PDB file of N, CA and C in Angstrom:
ATOM      1  N   MET A   1      -1.189  -8.489 -10.682  1.00  0.00           N
ATOM      2  CA  MET A   1      -0.444  -9.486  -9.921  1.00  0.00           C
ATOM      3  C   MET A   1      -1.313  -9.962  -8.768  1.00  0.00           C
ATOM      4  N   ASN A   2      -1.441 -11.245  -8.636  1.00  0.00           N
ATOM      5  CA  ASN A   2      -2.183 -11.834  -7.527  1.00  0.00           C
ATOM      6  C   ASN A   2      -1.214 -12.552  -6.598  1.00  0.00           C
ATOM      7  N   LEU A   3      -1.473 -12.423  -5.318  1.00  0.00           N
ATOM      8  CA  LEU A   3      -0.649 -13.092  -4.317  1.00  0.00           C
ATOM      9  C   LEU A   3      -1.469 -14.166  -3.619  1.00  0.00           C
ATOM     10  N   THR A   4      -0.811 -15.249  -3.283  1.00  0.00           N
ATOM     11  CA  THR A   4      -1.475 -16.287  -2.509  1.00  0.00           C
ATOM     12  C   THR A   4      -1.558 -15.841  -1.054  1.00  0.00           C
ATOM     13  N   THR A   5      -2.338 -16.549  -0.287  1.00  0.00           N
ATOM     14  CA  THR A   5      -2.475 -16.237   1.139  1.00  0.00           C
ATOM     15  C   THR A   5      -1.130 -16.353   1.835  1.00  0.00           C
ATOM     16  N   LYS A   6      -0.365 -17.367   1.471  1.00  0.00           N
ATOM     17  CA  LYS A   6       0.947 -17.573   2.078  1.00  0.00           C
ATOM     18  C   LYS A   6       1.888 -16.402   1.757  1.00  0.00           C
ATOM     19  N   GLN A   7       1.853 -15.919   0.518  1.00  0.00           N
ATOM     20  CA  GLN A   7       2.691 -14.797   0.124  1.00  0.00           C
ATOM     21  C   GLN A   7       2.278 -13.519   0.862  1.00  0.00           C
ATOM     22  N   LYS A   8       0.970 -13.314   1.019  1.00  0.00           N
ATOM     23  CA  LYS A   8       0.492 -12.148   1.766  1.00  0.00           C
ATOM     24  C   LYS A   8       0.925 -12.221   3.229  1.00  0.00           C
ATOM     25  N   GLN A   9       0.871 -13.403   3.809  1.00  0.00           N
ATOM     26  CA  GLN A   9       1.321 -13.563   5.191  1.00  0.00           C
ATOM     27  C   GLN A   9       2.801 -13.221   5.318  1.00  0.00           C
ATOM     28  N   TYR A  10       3.590 -13.643   4.349  1.00  0.00           N
ATOM     29  CA  TYR A  10       5.017 -13.341   4.341  1.00  0.00           C
ATOM     30  C   TYR A  10       5.245 -11.827   4.288  1.00  0.00           C
ATOM     31  N   LEU A  11       4.515 -11.151   3.402  1.00  0.00           N
ATOM     32  CA  LEU A  11       4.657  -9.703   3.273  1.00  0.00           C
ATOM     33  C   LEU A  11       4.169  -8.970   4.521  1.00  0.00           C
ATOM     34  N   LYS A  12       3.122  -9.475   5.147  1.00  0.00           N
ATOM     35  CA  LYS A  12       2.643  -8.880   6.402  1.00  0.00           C
ATOM     36  C   LYS A  12       3.726  -8.940   7.464  1.00  0.00           C
ATOM     37  N   GLY A  13       4.441 -10.047   7.513  1.00  0.00           N
ATOM     38  CA  GLY A  13       5.534 -10.190   8.461  1.00  0.00           C
ATOM     39  C   GLY A  13       6.649  -9.192   8.195  1.00  0.00           C
ATOM     40  N   LEU A  14       6.967  -8.983   6.918  1.00  0.00           N
ATOM     41  CA  LEU A  14       8.000  -8.011   6.564  1.00  0.00           C
ATOM     42  C   LEU A  14       7.555  -6.583   6.884  1.00  0.00           C
ATOM     43  N   ALA A  15       6.269  -6.323   6.733  1.00  0.00           N
ATOM     44  CA  ALA A  15       5.742  -4.966   6.924  1.00  0.00           C
ATOM     45  C   ALA A  15       5.458  -4.628   8.376  1.00  0.00           C
ATOM     46  N   HIS A  16       5.525  -5.607   9.251  1.00  0.00           N
ATOM     47  CA  HIS A  16       5.128  -5.404  10.643  1.00  0.00           C
ATOM     48  C   HIS A  16       5.807  -4.204  11.299  1.00  0.00           C
ATOM     49  N   ASP A  17       7.101  -4.049  11.116  1.00  0.00           N
ATOM     50  CA  ASP A  17       7.845  -2.981  11.779  1.00  0.00           C
ATOM     51  C   ASP A  17       7.908  -1.683  10.971  1.00  0.00           C
ATOM     52  N   LEU A  18       7.315  -1.670   9.790  1.00  0.00           N
ATOM     53  CA  LEU A  18       7.357  -0.463   8.959  1.00  0.00           C
ATOM     54  C   LEU A  18       6.422   0.611   9.500  1.00  0.00           C
ATOM     55  N   LYS A  19       6.813   1.849   9.307  1.00  0.00           N
ATOM     56  CA  LYS A  19       5.966   2.993   9.623  1.00  0.00           C
ATOM     57  C   LYS A  19       5.362   3.504   8.325  1.00  0.00           C
ATOM     58  N   PRO A  20       4.175   4.118   8.381  1.00  0.00           N
ATOM     59  CA  PRO A  20       3.589   4.685   7.155  1.00  0.00           C
ATOM     60  C   PRO A  20       4.507   5.733   6.537  1.00  0.00           C
ATOM     61  N   VAL A  21       4.748   5.616   5.235  1.00  0.00           N
ATOM     62  CA  VAL A  21       5.610   6.567   4.544  1.00  0.00           C
ATOM     63  C   VAL A  21       4.808   7.681   3.875  1.00  0.00           C
ATOM     64  N   VAL A  22       3.527   7.444   3.654  1.00  0.00           N
ATOM     65  CA  VAL A  22       2.653   8.449   3.062  1.00  0.00           C
ATOM     66  C   VAL A  22       1.404   8.525   3.931  1.00  0.00           C
ATOM     67  N   MET A  23       0.961   9.759   4.189  1.00  0.00           N
ATOM     68  CA  MET A  23      -0.251   9.953   4.983  1.00  0.00           C
ATOM     69  C   MET A  23      -1.203  10.861   4.221  1.00  0.00           C
ATOM     70  N   LEU A  24      -2.445  10.423   4.078  1.00  0.00           N
ATOM     71  CA  LEU A  24      -3.453  11.243   3.424  1.00  0.00           C
ATOM     72  C   LEU A  24      -3.958  12.272   4.418  1.00  0.00           C
ATOM     73  N   GLY A  25      -3.960  13.536   4.006  1.00  0.00           N
ATOM     74  CA  GLY A  25      -4.395  14.615   4.878  1.00  0.00           C
ATOM     75  C   GLY A  25      -5.825  15.009   4.617  1.00  0.00           C
ATOM     76  N   GLN A  26      -6.139  16.242   4.959  1.00  0.00           N
ATOM     77  CA  GLN A  26      -7.508  16.726   4.855  1.00  0.00           C
ATOM     78  C   GLN A  26      -7.969  16.885   3.416  1.00  0.00           C
ATOM     79  N   HIS A  27      -7.035  16.975   2.473  1.00  0.00           N
ATOM     80  CA  HIS A  27      -7.410  17.128   1.070  1.00  0.00           C
ATOM     81  C   HIS A  27      -7.681  15.791   0.396  1.00  0.00           C
ATOM     82  N   GLY A  28      -7.448  14.708   1.095  1.00  0.00           N
ATOM     83  CA  GLY A  28      -7.752  13.385   0.570  1.00  0.00           C
ATOM     84  C   GLY A  28      -6.747  12.909  -0.465  1.00  0.00           C
ATOM     85  N   LEU A  29      -7.234  12.125  -1.398  1.00  0.00           N
ATOM     86  CA  LEU A  29      -6.382  11.503  -2.408  1.00  0.00           C
ATOM     87  C   LEU A  29      -6.217  12.456  -3.587  1.00  0.00           C
ATOM     88  N   THR A  30      -5.049  13.076  -3.697  1.00  0.00           N
ATOM     89  CA  THR A  30      -4.769  14.009  -4.777  1.00  0.00           C
ATOM     90  C   THR A  30      -3.711  13.402  -5.700  1.00  0.00           C
ATOM     91  N   GLU A  31      -3.470  14.083  -6.812  1.00  0.00           N
ATOM     92  CA  GLU A  31      -2.440  13.623  -7.749  1.00  0.00           C
ATOM     93  C   GLU A  31      -1.068  13.608  -7.081  1.00  0.00           C
ATOM     94  N   GLY A  32      -0.809  14.585  -6.230  1.00  0.00           N
ATOM     95  CA  GLY A  32       0.468  14.654  -5.522  1.00  0.00           C
ATOM     96  C   GLY A  32       0.664  13.474  -4.585  1.00  0.00           C
ATOM     97  N   VAL A  33      -0.408  13.095  -3.893  1.00  0.00           N
ATOM     98  CA  VAL A  33      -0.339  11.956  -2.977  1.00  0.00           C
ATOM     99  C   VAL A  33      -0.108  10.675  -3.766  1.00  0.00           C
ATOM    100  N   LEU A  34      -0.802  10.523  -4.879  1.00  0.00           N
ATOM    101  CA  LEU A  34      -0.602   9.339  -5.727  1.00  0.00           C
ATOM    102  C   LEU A  34       0.833   9.282  -6.256  1.00  0.00           C
ATOM    103  N   ALA A  35       1.388  10.436  -6.604  1.00  0.00           N
ATOM    104  CA  ALA A  35       2.769  10.473  -7.086  1.00  0.00           C
ATOM    105  C   ALA A  35       3.733  10.054  -5.975  1.00  0.00           C
ATOM    106  N   GLU A  36       3.482  10.488  -4.749  1.00  0.00           N
ATOM    107  CA  GLU A  36       4.329  10.094  -3.615  1.00  0.00           C
ATOM    108  C   GLU A  36       4.241   8.594  -3.356  1.00  0.00           C
ATOM    109  N   ILE A  37       3.029   8.055  -3.413  1.00  0.00           N
ATOM    110  CA  ILE A  37       2.844   6.611  -3.210  1.00  0.00           C
ATOM    111  C   ILE A  37       3.579   5.843  -4.300  1.00  0.00           C
ATOM    112  N   ASP A  38       3.461   6.301  -5.532  1.00  0.00           N
ATOM    113  CA  ASP A  38       4.125   5.643  -6.658  1.00  0.00           C
ATOM    114  C   ASP A  38       5.647   5.677  -6.489  1.00  0.00           C
ATOM    115  N   ALA A  39       6.177   6.822  -6.085  1.00  0.00           N
ATOM    116  CA  ALA A  39       7.621   6.942  -5.875  1.00  0.00           C
ATOM    117  C   ALA A  39       8.090   6.045  -4.727  1.00  0.00           C
ATOM    118  N   ALA A  40       7.306   5.992  -3.652  1.00  0.00           N
ATOM    119  CA  ALA A  40       7.666   5.149  -2.508  1.00  0.00           C
ATOM    120  C   ALA A  40       7.637   3.670  -2.898  1.00  0.00           C
ATOM    121  N   LEU A  41       6.656   3.278  -3.708  1.00  0.00           N
ATOM    122  CA  LEU A  41       6.594   1.884  -4.162  1.00  0.00           C
ATOM    123  C   LEU A  41       7.785   1.550  -5.057  1.00  0.00           C
ATOM    124  N   ASN A  42       8.186   2.477  -5.913  1.00  0.00           N
ATOM    125  CA  ASN A  42       9.348   2.248  -6.772  1.00  0.00           C
ATOM    126  C   ASN A  42      10.611   2.065  -5.943  1.00  0.00           C
ATOM    127  N   HIS A  43      10.709   2.810  -4.866  1.00  0.00           N
ATOM    128  CA  HIS A  43      11.930   2.772  -4.044  1.00  0.00           C
ATOM    129  C   HIS A  43      11.936   1.618  -3.062  1.00  0.00           C
ATOM    130  N   HIS A  44      10.794   1.349  -2.417  1.00  0.00           N
ATOM    131  CA  HIS A  44      10.750   0.372  -1.323  1.00  0.00           C
ATOM    132  C   HIS A  44      10.064  -0.956  -1.667  1.00  0.00           C
ATOM    133  N   GLU A  45       9.160  -0.967  -2.609  1.00  0.00           N
ATOM    134  CA  GLU A  45       8.325  -2.115  -2.998  1.00  0.00           C
ATOM    135  C   GLU A  45       7.209  -2.408  -1.995  1.00  0.00           C
ATOM    136  N   LEU A  46       7.491  -2.353  -0.717  1.00  0.00           N
ATOM    137  CA  LEU A  46       6.506  -2.656   0.322  1.00  0.00           C
ATOM    138  C   LEU A  46       6.386  -1.430   1.212  1.00  0.00           C
ATOM    139  N   ILE A  47       5.193  -0.816   1.233  1.00  0.00           N
ATOM    140  CA  ILE A  47       5.007   0.408   2.017  1.00  0.00           C
ATOM    141  C   ILE A  47       3.692   0.367   2.777  1.00  0.00           C
ATOM    142  N   LYS A  48       3.589   1.277   3.738  1.00  0.00           N
ATOM    143  CA  LYS A  48       2.338   1.495   4.446  1.00  0.00           C
ATOM    144  C   LYS A  48       1.878   2.922   4.166  1.00  0.00           C
ATOM    145  N   VAL A  49       0.554   3.070   4.022  1.00  0.00           N
ATOM    146  CA  VAL A  49      -0.065   4.367   3.779  1.00  0.00           C
ATOM    147  C   VAL A  49      -1.132   4.574   4.837  1.00  0.00           C
ATOM    148  N   LYS A  50      -1.093   5.723   5.509  1.00  0.00           N
ATOM    149  CA  LYS A  50      -2.111   6.023   6.518  1.00  0.00           C
ATOM    150  C   LYS A  50      -3.250   6.769   5.837  1.00  0.00           C
ATOM    151  N   VAL A  51      -4.440   6.186   5.906  1.00  0.00           N
ATOM    152  CA  VAL A  51      -5.628   6.744   5.269  1.00  0.00           C
ATOM    153  C   VAL A  51      -6.578   7.197   6.366  1.00  0.00           C
ATOM    154  N   SER A  52      -6.758   8.500   6.484  1.00  0.00           N
ATOM    155  CA  SER A  52      -7.699   9.001   7.480  1.00  0.00           C
ATOM    156  C   SER A  52      -8.985   9.385   6.760  1.00  0.00           C
ATOM    157  N   ALA A  53     -10.026   8.617   6.994  1.00  0.00           N
ATOM    158  CA  ALA A  53     -11.314   8.853   6.353  1.00  0.00           C
ATOM    159  C   ALA A  53     -12.405   8.870   7.421  1.00  0.00           C
ATOM    160  N   ALA A  54     -13.484   9.546   7.112  1.00  0.00           N
ATOM    161  CA  ALA A  54     -14.565   9.707   8.084  1.00  0.00           C
ATOM    162  C   ALA A  54     -15.293   8.395   8.365  1.00  0.00           C
ATOM    163  N   ASP A  55     -15.519   7.605   7.333  1.00  0.00           N
ATOM    164  CA  ASP A  55     -16.261   6.360   7.546  1.00  0.00           C
ATOM    165  C   ASP A  55     -15.655   5.227   6.722  1.00  0.00           C
ATOM    166  N   ARG A  56     -16.158   4.025   6.943  1.00  0.00           N
ATOM    167  CA  ARG A  56     -15.604   2.834   6.281  1.00  0.00           C
ATOM    168  C   ARG A  56     -15.770   2.864   4.774  1.00  0.00           C
ATOM    169  N   GLU A  57     -16.936   3.328   4.317  1.00  0.00           N
ATOM    170  CA  GLU A  57     -17.195   3.355   2.872  1.00  0.00           C
ATOM    171  C   GLU A  57     -16.213   4.275   2.156  1.00  0.00           C
ATOM    172  N   THR A  58     -15.981   5.458   2.730  1.00  0.00           N
ATOM    173  CA  THR A  58     -15.035   6.405   2.131  1.00  0.00           C
ATOM    174  C   THR A  58     -13.634   5.814   2.123  1.00  0.00           C
ATOM    175  N   LYS A  59     -13.251   5.187   3.235  1.00  0.00           N
ATOM    176  CA  LYS A  59     -11.922   4.580   3.320  1.00  0.00           C
ATOM    177  C   LYS A  59     -11.775   3.481   2.275  1.00  0.00           C
ATOM    178  N   LYS A  60     -12.804   2.656   2.097  1.00  0.00           N
ATOM    179  CA  LYS A  60     -12.741   1.579   1.106  1.00  0.00           C
ATOM    180  C   LYS A  60     -12.597   2.149  -0.303  1.00  0.00           C
ATOM    181  N   LEU A  61     -13.317   3.214  -0.603  1.00  0.00           N
ATOM    182  CA  LEU A  61     -13.209   3.840  -1.923  1.00  0.00           C
ATOM    183  C   LEU A  61     -11.806   4.401  -2.153  1.00  0.00           C
ATOM    184  N   ILE A  62     -11.231   5.017  -1.125  1.00  0.00           N
ATOM    185  CA  ILE A  62      -9.876   5.567  -1.245  1.00  0.00           C
ATOM    186  C   ILE A  62      -8.858   4.452  -1.448  1.00  0.00           C
ATOM    187  N   VAL A  63      -8.978   3.377  -0.660  1.00  0.00           N
ATOM    188  CA  VAL A  63      -8.058   2.236  -0.778  1.00  0.00           C
ATOM    189  C   VAL A  63      -8.154   1.622  -2.171  1.00  0.00           C
ATOM    190  N   ASP A  64      -9.369   1.425  -2.659  1.00  0.00           N
ATOM    191  CA  ASP A  64      -9.554   0.854  -3.995  1.00  0.00           C
ATOM    192  C   ASP A  64      -8.942   1.750  -5.075  1.00  0.00           C
ATOM    193  N   ALA A  65      -9.098   3.071  -4.913  1.00  0.00           N
ATOM    194  CA  ALA A  65      -8.534   4.002  -5.893  1.00  0.00           C
ATOM    195  C   ALA A  65      -7.010   3.960  -5.869  1.00  0.00           C
ATOM    196  N   ILE A  66      -6.422   3.883  -4.679  1.00  0.00           N
ATOM    197  CA  ILE A  66      -4.958   3.819  -4.573  1.00  0.00           C
ATOM    198  C   ILE A  66      -4.437   2.552  -5.252  1.00  0.00           C
ATOM    199  N   VAL A  67      -5.064   1.425  -4.969  1.00  0.00           N
ATOM    200  CA  VAL A  67      -4.635   0.148  -5.560  1.00  0.00           C
ATOM    201  C   VAL A  67      -4.770   0.196  -7.076  1.00  0.00           C
ATOM    202  N   ARG A  68      -5.883   0.721  -7.564  1.00  0.00           N
ATOM    203  CA  ARG A  68      -6.125   0.795  -9.008  1.00  0.00           C
ATOM    204  C   ARG A  68      -5.129   1.735  -9.694  1.00  0.00           C
ATOM    205  N   GLU A  69      -4.901   2.909  -9.140  1.00  0.00           N
ATOM    206  CA  GLU A  69      -4.056   3.918  -9.785  1.00  0.00           C
ATOM    207  C   GLU A  69      -2.566   3.585  -9.728  1.00  0.00           C
ATOM    208  N   THR A  70      -2.137   2.837  -8.717  1.00  0.00           N
ATOM    209  CA  THR A  70      -0.711   2.528  -8.577  1.00  0.00           C
ATOM    210  C   THR A  70      -0.353   1.147  -9.109  1.00  0.00           C
ATOM    211  N   ASN A  71      -1.333   0.362  -9.499  1.00  0.00           N
ATOM    212  CA  ASN A  71      -1.109  -1.016  -9.954  1.00  0.00           C
ATOM    213  C   ASN A  71      -0.384  -1.839  -8.890  1.00  0.00           C
ATOM    214  N   ALA A  72      -0.689  -1.575  -7.639  1.00  0.00           N
ATOM    215  CA  ALA A  72      -0.079  -2.298  -6.532  1.00  0.00           C
ATOM    216  C   ALA A  72      -1.049  -3.361  -6.021  1.00  0.00           C
ATOM    217  N   VAL A  73      -0.547  -4.200  -5.142  1.00  0.00           N
ATOM    218  CA  VAL A  73      -1.362  -5.242  -4.524  1.00  0.00           C
ATOM    219  C   VAL A  73      -1.640  -4.839  -3.082  1.00  0.00           C
ATOM    220  N   GLN A  74      -2.900  -4.900  -2.716  1.00  0.00           N
ATOM    221  CA  GLN A  74      -3.269  -4.621  -1.329  1.00  0.00           C
ATOM    222  C   GLN A  74      -2.916  -5.843  -0.496  1.00  0.00           C
ATOM    223  N   VAL A  75      -1.983  -5.671   0.422  1.00  0.00           N
ATOM    224  CA  VAL A  75      -1.568  -6.772   1.286  1.00  0.00           C
ATOM    225  C   VAL A  75      -2.486  -6.845   2.495  1.00  0.00           C
ATOM    226  N   GLN A  76      -2.776  -5.669   3.079  1.00  0.00           N
ATOM    227  CA  GLN A  76      -3.558  -5.659   4.309  1.00  0.00           C
ATOM    228  C   GLN A  76      -4.082  -4.248   4.570  1.00  0.00           C
ATOM    229  N   VAL A  77      -5.267  -4.179   5.171  1.00  0.00           N
ATOM    230  CA  VAL A  77      -5.776  -2.930   5.725  1.00  0.00           C
ATOM    231  C   VAL A  77      -6.078  -3.210   7.185  1.00  0.00           C
ATOM    232  N   MET A  78      -5.374  -2.501   8.059  1.00  0.00           N
ATOM    233  CA  MET A  78      -5.601  -2.673   9.484  1.00  0.00           C
ATOM    234  C   MET A  78      -5.851  -1.298  10.079  1.00  0.00           C
ATOM    235  N   GLY A  79      -7.068  -1.077  10.533  1.00  0.00           N
ATOM    236  CA  GLY A  79      -7.420   0.249  11.029  1.00  0.00           C
ATOM    237  C   GLY A  79      -7.373   1.236   9.885  1.00  0.00           C
ATOM    238  N   ASN A  80      -6.580   2.281  10.045  1.00  0.00           N
ATOM    239  CA  ASN A  80      -6.433   3.293   9.004  1.00  0.00           C
ATOM    240  C   ASN A  80      -5.142   3.127   8.210  1.00  0.00           C
ATOM    241  N   VAL A  81      -4.489   1.984   8.330  1.00  0.00           N
ATOM    242  CA  VAL A  81      -3.202   1.782   7.663  1.00  0.00           C
ATOM    243  C   VAL A  81      -3.337   0.720   6.566  1.00  0.00           C
ATOM    244  N   LEU A  82      -2.959   1.124   5.371  1.00  0.00           N
ATOM    245  CA  LEU A  82      -2.995   0.254   4.195  1.00  0.00           C
ATOM    246  C   LEU A  82      -1.572  -0.193   3.887  1.00  0.00           C
ATOM    247  N   THR A  83      -1.380  -1.490   3.687  1.00  0.00           N
ATOM    248  CA  THR A  83      -0.077  -2.025   3.289  1.00  0.00           C
ATOM    249  C   THR A  83      -0.151  -2.401   1.818  1.00  0.00           C
ATOM    250  N   LEU A  84       0.792  -1.872   1.034  1.00  0.00           N
ATOM    251  CA  LEU A  84       0.830  -2.101  -0.410  1.00  0.00           C
ATOM    252  C   LEU A  84       2.138  -2.748  -0.821  1.00  0.00           C
ATOM    253  N   PHE A  85       2.072  -3.544  -1.891  1.00  0.00           N
ATOM    254  CA  PHE A  85       3.263  -4.161  -2.468  1.00  0.00           C
ATOM    255  C   PHE A  85       3.196  -4.045  -3.977  1.00  0.00           C
ATOM    256  N   ARG A  86       4.306  -3.638  -4.565  1.00  0.00           N
ATOM    257  CA  ARG A  86       4.465  -3.653  -6.019  1.00  0.00           C
ATOM    258  C   ARG A  86       5.932  -3.915  -6.311  1.00  0.00           C
ATOM    259  N   PRO A  87       6.239  -5.034  -6.965  1.00  0.00           N
ATOM    260  CA  PRO A  87       7.645  -5.342  -7.249  1.00  0.00           C
ATOM    261  C   PRO A  87       8.242  -4.317  -8.214  1.00  0.00           C
ATOM    262  N   SER A  88       9.488  -3.942  -7.954  1.00  0.00           N
ATOM    263  CA  SER A  88      10.195  -3.033  -8.856  1.00  0.00           C
ATOM    264  C   SER A  88      11.048  -3.867  -9.819  1.00  0.00           C
ATOM    265  N   GLU A  89      11.733  -3.184 -10.698  1.00  0.00           N
ATOM    266  CA  GLU A  89      12.566  -3.899 -11.674  1.00  0.00           C
ATOM    267  C   GLU A  89      13.733  -4.613 -11.000  1.00  0.00           C
ATOM    268  N   GLU A  90      14.215  -4.074  -9.867  1.00  0.00           N
ATOM    269  CA  GLU A  90      15.340  -4.689  -9.174  1.00  0.00           C
ATOM    270  C   GLU A  90      14.926  -5.890  -8.321  1.00  0.00           C
ATOM    271  N   LYS A  91      13.633  -6.055  -8.082  1.00  0.00           N
ATOM    272  CA  LYS A  91      13.118  -7.163  -7.250  1.00  0.00           C
ATOM    273  C   LYS A  91      13.864  -7.238  -5.920  1.00  0.00           C
ATOM    274  N   LYS A  92      13.706  -6.215  -5.097  1.00  0.00           N
ATOM    275  CA  LYS A  92      14.403  -6.129  -3.819  1.00  0.00           C
ATOM    276  C   LYS A  92      13.881  -7.157  -2.808  1.00  0.00           C
ATOM    277  N   ILE A  93      12.594  -7.450  -2.891  1.00  0.00           N
ATOM    278  CA  ILE A  93      11.990  -8.412  -1.962  1.00  0.00           C
ATOM    279  C   ILE A  93      11.707  -9.698  -2.725  1.00  0.00           C
ATOM    280  N   HIS A  94      12.256 -10.777  -2.238  1.00  0.00           N
ATOM    281  CA  HIS A  94      11.995 -12.084  -2.854  1.00  0.00           C
ATOM    282  C   HIS A  94      10.802 -12.716  -2.133  1.00  0.00           C
ATOM    283  N   ILE A  95       9.775 -13.023  -2.894  1.00  0.00           N
ATOM    284  CA  ILE A  95       8.576 -13.632  -2.328  1.00  0.00           C
ATOM    285  C   ILE A  95       8.616 -15.126  -2.611  1.00  0.00           C
ATOM    286  N   PRO A  96       8.514 -15.955  -1.569  1.00  0.00           N
ATOM    287  CA  PRO A  96       8.494 -17.402  -1.815  1.00  0.00           C
ATOM    288  C   PRO A  96       7.230 -17.811  -2.545  1.00  0.00           C
ATOM    289  N   LYS A  97       7.313 -18.884  -3.299  1.00  0.00           N
ATOM    290  CA  LYS A  97       6.141 -19.348  -4.069  1.00  0.00           C
ATOM    291  C   LYS A  97       5.253 -20.243  -3.288  1.00  0.00           C
TER     292      LYS A  97
END
């Protein structure tokens, strides 16, 4: 799924007041963390994930892996916080075209 710039801006506005629901700890990206992210996306559609990594390259690799494994869309990365969107079957969030 690809989002236009306008759609991403809309989702950024919706995500502004959200707190991270999943936080990566010292063990990094594990199967359990991916399962939590997947469950949160199924329930909320739009979530934030706090990624604590030592450097930018590691953080980028982790973000890319999360997006690839969850089939979600990266809305924004600001600092150590990744915003993800994946529509569920109920389509809780209506995105304008």
